[in-house]
Amino acid sequence: MRLARSHCSKYAKVQLLVAELVADCLKCCTEDSDDSMSKITYSGAILEACMRKLVFYPEIVGFIEEEKDKFPTVRVQYVFNSPPKLIMLDEEGQHKETIRIDNWKREHMLQFLQEKVKPTSASAKI
């Protein structure tokens, strides 16, 4: 019985130590929230893909052919051997972030662009 009690007290001490370490670690973390991410918007985007490989991405082809015109600040750029990606642009038209979209469905692209890309902006310089 004494052995079991010894293990229990050691376990409790380890639990306390872990809790303290986690609390200490979290002090410098910023909280990730959907709200903070939803505030990030871009002035435009470049949908970059390899024309030869588009046959493997029917969702992206469908977006380009049927939905792209709804987004005047998004342009399509064909680059040899490039995986499908969105290059997000700031107000000056400079590259801000790159997002791979290999497995995205058309509705995901639509939703993302509606939420993250301003409908019209200075990115017409592109």
N, C-alpha and C. Protein backbone atom coordinates (compact mmCIF):
# COMPACT_ATOMS: atom_id res chain seq x y z
N MET A 1 0.82 -1.19 0.00
CA MET A 1 0.00 0.00 0.00
C MET A 1 0.87 1.26 0.00
N ARG A 2 1.97 1.18 0.72
CA ARG A 2 2.85 2.33 0.80
C ARG A 2 3.44 2.65 -0.58
N LEU A 3 3.74 1.64 -1.37
CA LEU A 3 4.30 1.82 -2.70
C LEU A 3 3.30 2.56 -3.60
N ALA A 4 2.05 2.18 -3.52
CA ALA A 4 1.02 2.82 -4.33
C ALA A 4 0.88 4.29 -3.96
N ARG A 5 0.91 4.58 -2.67
CA ARG A 5 0.79 5.97 -2.23
C ARG A 5 1.97 6.80 -2.73
N SER A 6 3.13 6.20 -2.74
CA SER A 6 4.33 6.88 -3.22
C SER A 6 4.19 7.24 -4.70
N HIS A 7 3.68 6.29 -5.47
CA HIS A 7 3.47 6.56 -6.89
C HIS A 7 2.41 7.63 -7.11
N CYS A 8 1.36 7.61 -6.29
CA CYS A 8 0.31 8.62 -6.43
C CYS A 8 0.85 10.01 -6.16
N SER A 9 1.67 10.16 -5.12
CA SER A 9 2.19 11.48 -4.81
C SER A 9 3.17 11.94 -5.89
N LYS A 10 3.95 11.02 -6.44
CA LYS A 10 4.86 11.38 -7.53
C LYS A 10 4.07 11.81 -8.76
N TYR A 11 2.99 11.08 -9.03
CA TYR A 11 2.15 11.40 -10.18
C TYR A 11 1.53 12.78 -10.01
N ALA A 12 1.05 13.08 -8.80
CA ALA A 12 0.45 14.38 -8.52
C ALA A 12 1.47 15.49 -8.70
N LYS A 13 2.72 15.25 -8.27
CA LYS A 13 3.78 16.25 -8.43
C LYS A 13 4.09 16.48 -9.91
N VAL A 14 4.12 15.40 -10.67
CA VAL A 14 4.38 15.51 -12.11
C VAL A 14 3.24 16.29 -12.78
N GLN A 15 2.00 15.98 -12.39
CA GLN A 15 0.86 16.70 -12.96
C GLN A 15 0.95 18.19 -12.66
N LEU A 16 1.31 18.54 -11.45
CA LEU A 16 1.44 19.93 -11.06
C LEU A 16 2.55 20.61 -11.86
N LEU A 17 3.66 19.92 -12.00
CA LEU A 17 4.79 20.47 -12.76
C LEU A 17 4.40 20.71 -14.22
N VAL A 18 3.72 19.74 -14.82
CA VAL A 18 3.28 19.88 -16.21
C VAL A 18 2.32 21.06 -16.35
N ALA A 19 1.38 21.18 -15.42
CA ALA A 19 0.43 22.29 -15.47
C ALA A 19 1.15 23.63 -15.37
N GLU A 20 2.16 23.71 -14.52
CA GLU A 20 2.93 24.95 -14.39
C GLU A 20 3.71 25.25 -15.67
N LEU A 21 4.29 24.21 -16.27
CA LEU A 21 5.04 24.42 -17.51
C LEU A 21 4.13 24.89 -18.64
N VAL A 22 2.96 24.29 -18.75
CA VAL A 22 2.02 24.67 -19.79
C VAL A 22 1.57 26.12 -19.58
N ALA A 23 1.24 26.47 -18.33
CA ALA A 23 0.81 27.84 -18.04
C ALA A 23 1.92 28.83 -18.36
N ASP A 24 3.15 28.48 -18.02
CA ASP A 24 4.28 29.35 -18.31
C ASP A 24 4.48 29.50 -19.82
N CYS A 25 4.35 28.40 -20.53
CA CYS A 25 4.53 28.42 -21.98
C CYS A 25 3.46 29.29 -22.66
N LEU A 26 2.25 29.21 -22.19
CA LEU A 26 1.14 29.93 -22.81
C LEU A 26 1.18 31.43 -22.56
N LYS A 27 2.00 31.89 -21.63
CA LYS A 27 2.08 33.32 -21.33
C LYS A 27 2.45 34.15 -22.56
N CYS A 28 3.35 33.62 -23.39
CA CYS A 28 3.82 34.42 -24.53
C CYS A 28 3.04 34.12 -25.81
N CYS A 29 2.10 33.22 -25.75
CA CYS A 29 1.32 32.88 -26.95
C CYS A 29 0.20 33.90 -27.15
N THR A 30 -0.09 34.16 -28.41
CA THR A 30 -1.26 34.96 -28.72
C THR A 30 -2.37 34.01 -29.08
N GLU A 31 -3.54 34.37 -28.70
CA GLU A 31 -4.67 33.49 -28.93
C GLU A 31 -5.06 33.50 -30.40
N ASP A 32 -5.14 32.33 -30.99
CA ASP A 32 -5.62 32.21 -32.36
C ASP A 32 -7.14 32.16 -32.29
N SER A 33 -7.77 32.97 -33.07
CA SER A 33 -9.22 32.93 -33.09
C SER A 33 -9.69 33.14 -34.51
N ASP A 34 -10.85 32.63 -34.78
CA ASP A 34 -11.43 32.83 -36.10
C ASP A 34 -11.65 34.31 -36.35
N ASP A 35 -11.94 35.07 -35.29
CA ASP A 35 -12.21 36.48 -35.43
C ASP A 35 -10.98 37.24 -35.93
N SER A 36 -9.80 36.92 -35.36
CA SER A 36 -8.60 37.64 -35.80
C SER A 36 -8.24 37.28 -37.23
N MET A 37 -8.45 36.03 -37.61
CA MET A 37 -8.14 35.61 -38.98
C MET A 37 -9.13 36.22 -39.98
N SER A 38 -10.37 36.39 -39.57
CA SER A 38 -11.37 36.91 -40.51
C SER A 38 -11.12 38.37 -40.83
N LYS A 39 -10.35 39.08 -40.01
CA LYS A 39 -10.07 40.49 -40.26
C LYS A 39 -9.01 40.69 -41.34
N ILE A 40 -8.25 39.67 -41.66
CA ILE A 40 -7.20 39.78 -42.67
C ILE A 40 -7.84 39.77 -44.05
N THR A 41 -7.57 40.83 -44.81
CA THR A 41 -8.06 40.86 -46.19
C THR A 41 -6.91 41.27 -47.10
N TYR A 42 -7.08 40.96 -48.36
CA TYR A 42 -6.05 41.25 -49.35
C TYR A 42 -6.66 42.10 -50.46
N SER A 43 -5.81 42.85 -51.14
CA SER A 43 -6.32 43.72 -52.21
C SER A 43 -6.53 42.96 -53.50
N GLY A 44 -5.93 41.78 -53.62
CA GLY A 44 -6.08 40.98 -54.82
C GLY A 44 -5.34 39.66 -54.67
N ALA A 45 -5.37 38.88 -55.73
CA ALA A 45 -4.70 37.59 -55.70
C ALA A 45 -4.34 37.16 -57.11
N ILE A 46 -3.35 36.29 -57.19
CA ILE A 46 -2.97 35.64 -58.44
C ILE A 46 -3.22 34.15 -58.24
N LEU A 47 -4.03 33.57 -59.10
CA LEU A 47 -4.21 32.13 -59.09
C LEU A 47 -3.16 31.58 -60.05
N GLU A 48 -2.16 30.91 -59.51
CA GLU A 48 -1.05 30.41 -60.32
C GLU A 48 -1.16 28.90 -60.46
N ALA A 49 -0.98 28.40 -61.67
CA ALA A 49 -1.04 26.96 -61.92
C ALA A 49 -0.31 26.64 -63.22
N CYS A 50 0.02 25.37 -63.36
CA CYS A 50 0.61 24.89 -64.61
C CYS A 50 -0.53 24.49 -65.54
N MET A 51 -0.55 25.07 -66.74
CA MET A 51 -1.63 24.79 -67.68
C MET A 51 -1.71 23.30 -68.03
N ARG A 52 -0.57 22.65 -68.15
CA ARG A 52 -0.55 21.23 -68.52
C ARG A 52 -1.12 20.34 -67.42
N LYS A 53 -0.99 20.77 -66.16
CA LYS A 53 -1.45 19.95 -65.03
C LYS A 53 -2.89 20.25 -64.63
N LEU A 54 -3.49 21.27 -65.23
CA LEU A 54 -4.86 21.63 -64.84
C LEU A 54 -5.86 20.50 -65.09
N VAL A 55 -5.55 19.61 -66.00
CA VAL A 55 -6.44 18.49 -66.26
C VAL A 55 -6.65 17.64 -64.99
N PHE A 56 -5.71 17.71 -64.06
CA PHE A 56 -5.81 16.96 -62.81
C PHE A 56 -6.58 17.73 -61.73
N TYR A 57 -6.98 18.96 -62.04
CA TYR A 57 -7.66 19.81 -61.06
C TYR A 57 -8.96 20.37 -61.64
N PRO A 58 -9.97 19.53 -61.84
CA PRO A 58 -11.22 19.99 -62.47
C PRO A 58 -11.93 21.08 -61.66
N GLU A 59 -11.77 21.08 -60.35
CA GLU A 59 -12.41 22.12 -59.52
C GLU A 59 -11.81 23.49 -59.83
N ILE A 60 -10.51 23.52 -60.02
CA ILE A 60 -9.84 24.79 -60.32
C ILE A 60 -10.19 25.24 -61.74
N VAL A 61 -10.25 24.31 -62.67
CA VAL A 61 -10.65 24.65 -64.04
C VAL A 61 -12.06 25.22 -64.04
N GLY A 62 -12.96 24.59 -63.29
CA GLY A 62 -14.33 25.08 -63.20
C GLY A 62 -14.39 26.49 -62.63
N PHE A 63 -13.58 26.74 -61.62
CA PHE A 63 -13.53 28.08 -61.05
C PHE A 63 -13.05 29.09 -62.09
N ILE A 64 -11.96 28.76 -62.78
CA ILE A 64 -11.39 29.68 -63.78
C ILE A 64 -12.40 29.97 -64.88
N GLU A 65 -13.07 28.93 -65.37
CA GLU A 65 -13.98 29.09 -66.50
C GLU A 65 -15.31 29.73 -66.13
N GLU A 66 -15.81 29.47 -64.92
CA GLU A 66 -17.17 29.89 -64.59
C GLU A 66 -17.29 30.92 -63.47
N GLU A 67 -16.29 31.05 -62.62
CA GLU A 67 -16.43 31.91 -61.45
C GLU A 67 -15.44 33.07 -61.40
N LYS A 68 -14.34 32.95 -62.09
CA LYS A 68 -13.25 33.91 -61.97
C LYS A 68 -13.68 35.35 -62.27
N ASP A 69 -14.59 35.53 -63.20
CA ASP A 69 -15.04 36.88 -63.58
C ASP A 69 -15.74 37.61 -62.44
N LYS A 70 -16.18 36.89 -61.42
CA LYS A 70 -16.81 37.52 -60.25
C LYS A 70 -15.78 38.23 -59.37
N PHE A 71 -14.51 38.00 -59.64
CA PHE A 71 -13.43 38.55 -58.83
C PHE A 71 -12.47 39.35 -59.71
N PRO A 72 -12.77 40.63 -59.93
CA PRO A 72 -11.94 41.43 -60.82
C PRO A 72 -10.51 41.65 -60.30
N THR A 73 -10.28 41.47 -59.01
CA THR A 73 -8.94 41.68 -58.46
C THR A 73 -8.13 40.39 -58.41
N VAL A 74 -8.68 39.32 -59.00
CA VAL A 74 -7.96 38.04 -59.06
C VAL A 74 -7.62 37.77 -60.52
N ARG A 75 -6.35 37.45 -60.77
CA ARG A 75 -5.97 37.11 -62.14
C ARG A 75 -5.34 35.72 -62.15
N VAL A 76 -5.37 35.09 -63.30
CA VAL A 76 -4.81 33.75 -63.48
C VAL A 76 -3.47 33.89 -64.17
N GLN A 77 -2.50 33.16 -63.67
CA GLN A 77 -1.16 33.18 -64.25
C GLN A 77 -0.71 31.73 -64.42
N TYR A 78 -0.31 31.39 -65.62
CA TYR A 78 0.15 30.03 -65.90
C TYR A 78 1.67 29.98 -65.83
N VAL A 79 2.17 29.12 -64.95
CA VAL A 79 3.61 28.97 -64.75
C VAL A 79 3.94 27.49 -64.87
N PHE A 80 4.87 27.16 -65.74
CA PHE A 80 5.22 25.77 -65.99
C PHE A 80 5.57 25.06 -64.69
N ASN A 81 4.95 23.90 -64.49
CA ASN A 81 5.21 22.99 -63.37
C ASN A 81 4.80 23.54 -62.00
N SER A 82 4.06 24.63 -61.96
CA SER A 82 3.64 25.20 -60.68
C SER A 82 2.42 24.46 -60.15
N PRO A 83 2.44 24.10 -58.87
CA PRO A 83 1.22 23.53 -58.28
C PRO A 83 0.18 24.64 -58.15
N PRO A 84 -1.10 24.30 -58.13
CA PRO A 84 -2.13 25.33 -57.99
C PRO A 84 -1.98 26.06 -56.66
N LYS A 85 -1.97 27.38 -56.73
CA LYS A 85 -1.84 28.18 -55.50
C LYS A 85 -2.44 29.55 -55.71
N LEU A 86 -2.79 30.17 -54.59
CA LEU A 86 -3.22 31.56 -54.59
C LEU A 86 -2.09 32.39 -53.99
N ILE A 87 -1.68 33.40 -54.70
CA ILE A 87 -0.68 34.34 -54.19
C ILE A 87 -1.46 35.59 -53.79
N MET A 88 -1.53 35.82 -52.50
CA MET A 88 -2.31 36.92 -51.97
C MET A 88 -1.48 38.20 -52.00
N LEU A 89 -2.14 39.32 -52.38
CA LEU A 89 -1.43 40.58 -52.60
C LEU A 89 -1.91 41.67 -51.64
N ASP A 90 -0.98 42.53 -51.24
CA ASP A 90 -1.32 43.66 -50.39
C ASP A 90 -1.77 44.85 -51.24
N GLU A 91 -1.96 45.98 -50.60
CA GLU A 91 -2.45 47.19 -51.30
C GLU A 91 -1.55 47.65 -52.43
N GLU A 92 -0.24 47.40 -52.31
CA GLU A 92 0.70 47.81 -53.35
C GLU A 92 0.86 46.74 -54.43
N GLY A 93 0.09 45.66 -54.33
CA GLY A 93 0.21 44.58 -55.30
C GLY A 93 1.39 43.67 -55.04
N GLN A 94 1.96 43.76 -53.84
CA GLN A 94 3.11 42.93 -53.48
C GLN A 94 2.66 41.61 -52.84
N HIS A 95 3.44 40.57 -53.07
CA HIS A 95 3.16 39.24 -52.54
C HIS A 95 3.13 39.29 -51.02
N LYS A 96 2.02 38.83 -50.42
CA LYS A 96 1.86 38.84 -48.97
C LYS A 96 1.86 37.42 -48.40
N GLU A 97 1.23 36.49 -49.12
CA GLU A 97 1.10 35.13 -48.62
C GLU A 97 0.81 34.21 -49.81
N THR A 98 1.29 32.96 -49.71
CA THR A 98 1.01 31.96 -50.74
C THR A 98 0.24 30.81 -50.10
N ILE A 99 -0.83 30.39 -50.75
CA ILE A 99 -1.69 29.33 -50.22
C ILE A 99 -1.87 28.27 -51.28
N ARG A 100 -1.45 27.05 -50.99
CA ARG A 100 -1.66 25.93 -51.92
C ARG A 100 -3.14 25.56 -51.94
N ILE A 101 -3.68 25.31 -53.12
CA ILE A 101 -5.10 25.01 -53.26
C ILE A 101 -5.33 23.70 -54.02
N ASP A 102 -4.36 22.82 -54.01
CA ASP A 102 -4.44 21.56 -54.74
C ASP A 102 -5.76 20.81 -54.50
N ASN A 103 -6.16 20.71 -53.25
CA ASN A 103 -7.32 19.88 -52.90
C ASN A 103 -8.58 20.68 -52.62
N TRP A 104 -8.58 21.96 -52.96
CA TRP A 104 -9.75 22.78 -52.69
C TRP A 104 -10.86 22.50 -53.69
N LYS A 105 -12.07 22.52 -53.21
CA LYS A 105 -13.23 22.44 -54.09
C LYS A 105 -13.58 23.88 -54.52
N ARG A 106 -14.37 23.98 -55.56
CA ARG A 106 -14.72 25.29 -56.10
C ARG A 106 -15.41 26.16 -55.04
N GLU A 107 -16.31 25.54 -54.26
CA GLU A 107 -17.02 26.33 -53.24
C GLU A 107 -16.08 26.86 -52.15
N HIS A 108 -14.99 26.12 -51.88
CA HIS A 108 -14.00 26.61 -50.91
C HIS A 108 -13.27 27.83 -51.48
N MET A 109 -12.93 27.76 -52.75
CA MET A 109 -12.26 28.90 -53.38
C MET A 109 -13.17 30.13 -53.37
N LEU A 110 -14.44 29.93 -53.73
CA LEU A 110 -15.39 31.03 -53.74
C LEU A 110 -15.53 31.67 -52.37
N GLN A 111 -15.72 30.83 -51.35
CA GLN A 111 -15.89 31.34 -49.99
C GLN A 111 -14.65 32.08 -49.52
N PHE A 112 -13.47 31.50 -49.75
CA PHE A 112 -12.23 32.13 -49.32
C PHE A 112 -12.04 33.48 -49.99
N LEU A 113 -12.22 33.54 -51.30
CA LEU A 113 -12.02 34.79 -52.02
C LEU A 113 -13.06 35.84 -51.64
N GLN A 114 -14.30 35.43 -51.41
CA GLN A 114 -15.33 36.38 -50.99
C GLN A 114 -15.00 36.98 -49.63
N GLU A 115 -14.43 36.18 -48.73
CA GLU A 115 -14.11 36.65 -47.39
C GLU A 115 -12.79 37.41 -47.32
N LYS A 116 -11.82 37.04 -48.15
CA LYS A 116 -10.47 37.55 -47.96
C LYS A 116 -10.00 38.58 -48.99
N VAL A 117 -10.64 38.65 -50.14
CA VAL A 117 -10.19 39.57 -51.19
C VAL A 117 -11.19 40.69 -51.35
N LYS A 118 -10.69 41.92 -51.29
CA LYS A 118 -11.55 43.08 -51.49
C LYS A 118 -12.07 43.08 -52.92
N PRO A 119 -13.34 43.43 -53.12
CA PRO A 119 -13.92 43.35 -54.45
C PRO A 119 -13.22 44.24 -55.49
N THR A 120 -12.88 45.46 -55.11
CA THR A 120 -12.14 46.34 -56.01
C THR A 120 -11.09 47.06 -55.19
N SER A 121 -9.96 47.31 -55.80
CA SER A 121 -8.89 48.00 -55.07
C SER A 121 -7.80 48.46 -56.01
N ALA A 122 -6.72 48.91 -55.42
CA ALA A 122 -5.58 49.40 -56.19
C ALA A 122 -4.82 48.27 -56.88
N SER A 123 -5.24 47.05 -56.66
CA SER A 123 -4.51 45.92 -57.27
C SER A 123 -4.75 45.84 -58.77
N ALA A 124 -5.52 46.74 -59.31
CA ALA A 124 -5.72 46.77 -60.76
C ALA A 124 -4.40 47.03 -61.48
N LYS A 125 -3.37 47.43 -60.70
CA LYS A 125 -2.03 47.64 -61.26
C LYS A 125 -1.41 46.33 -61.73
N ILE A 126 -1.93 45.23 -61.24
CA ILE A 126 -1.32 43.92 -61.49
C ILE A 126 -1.08 43.69 -62.96
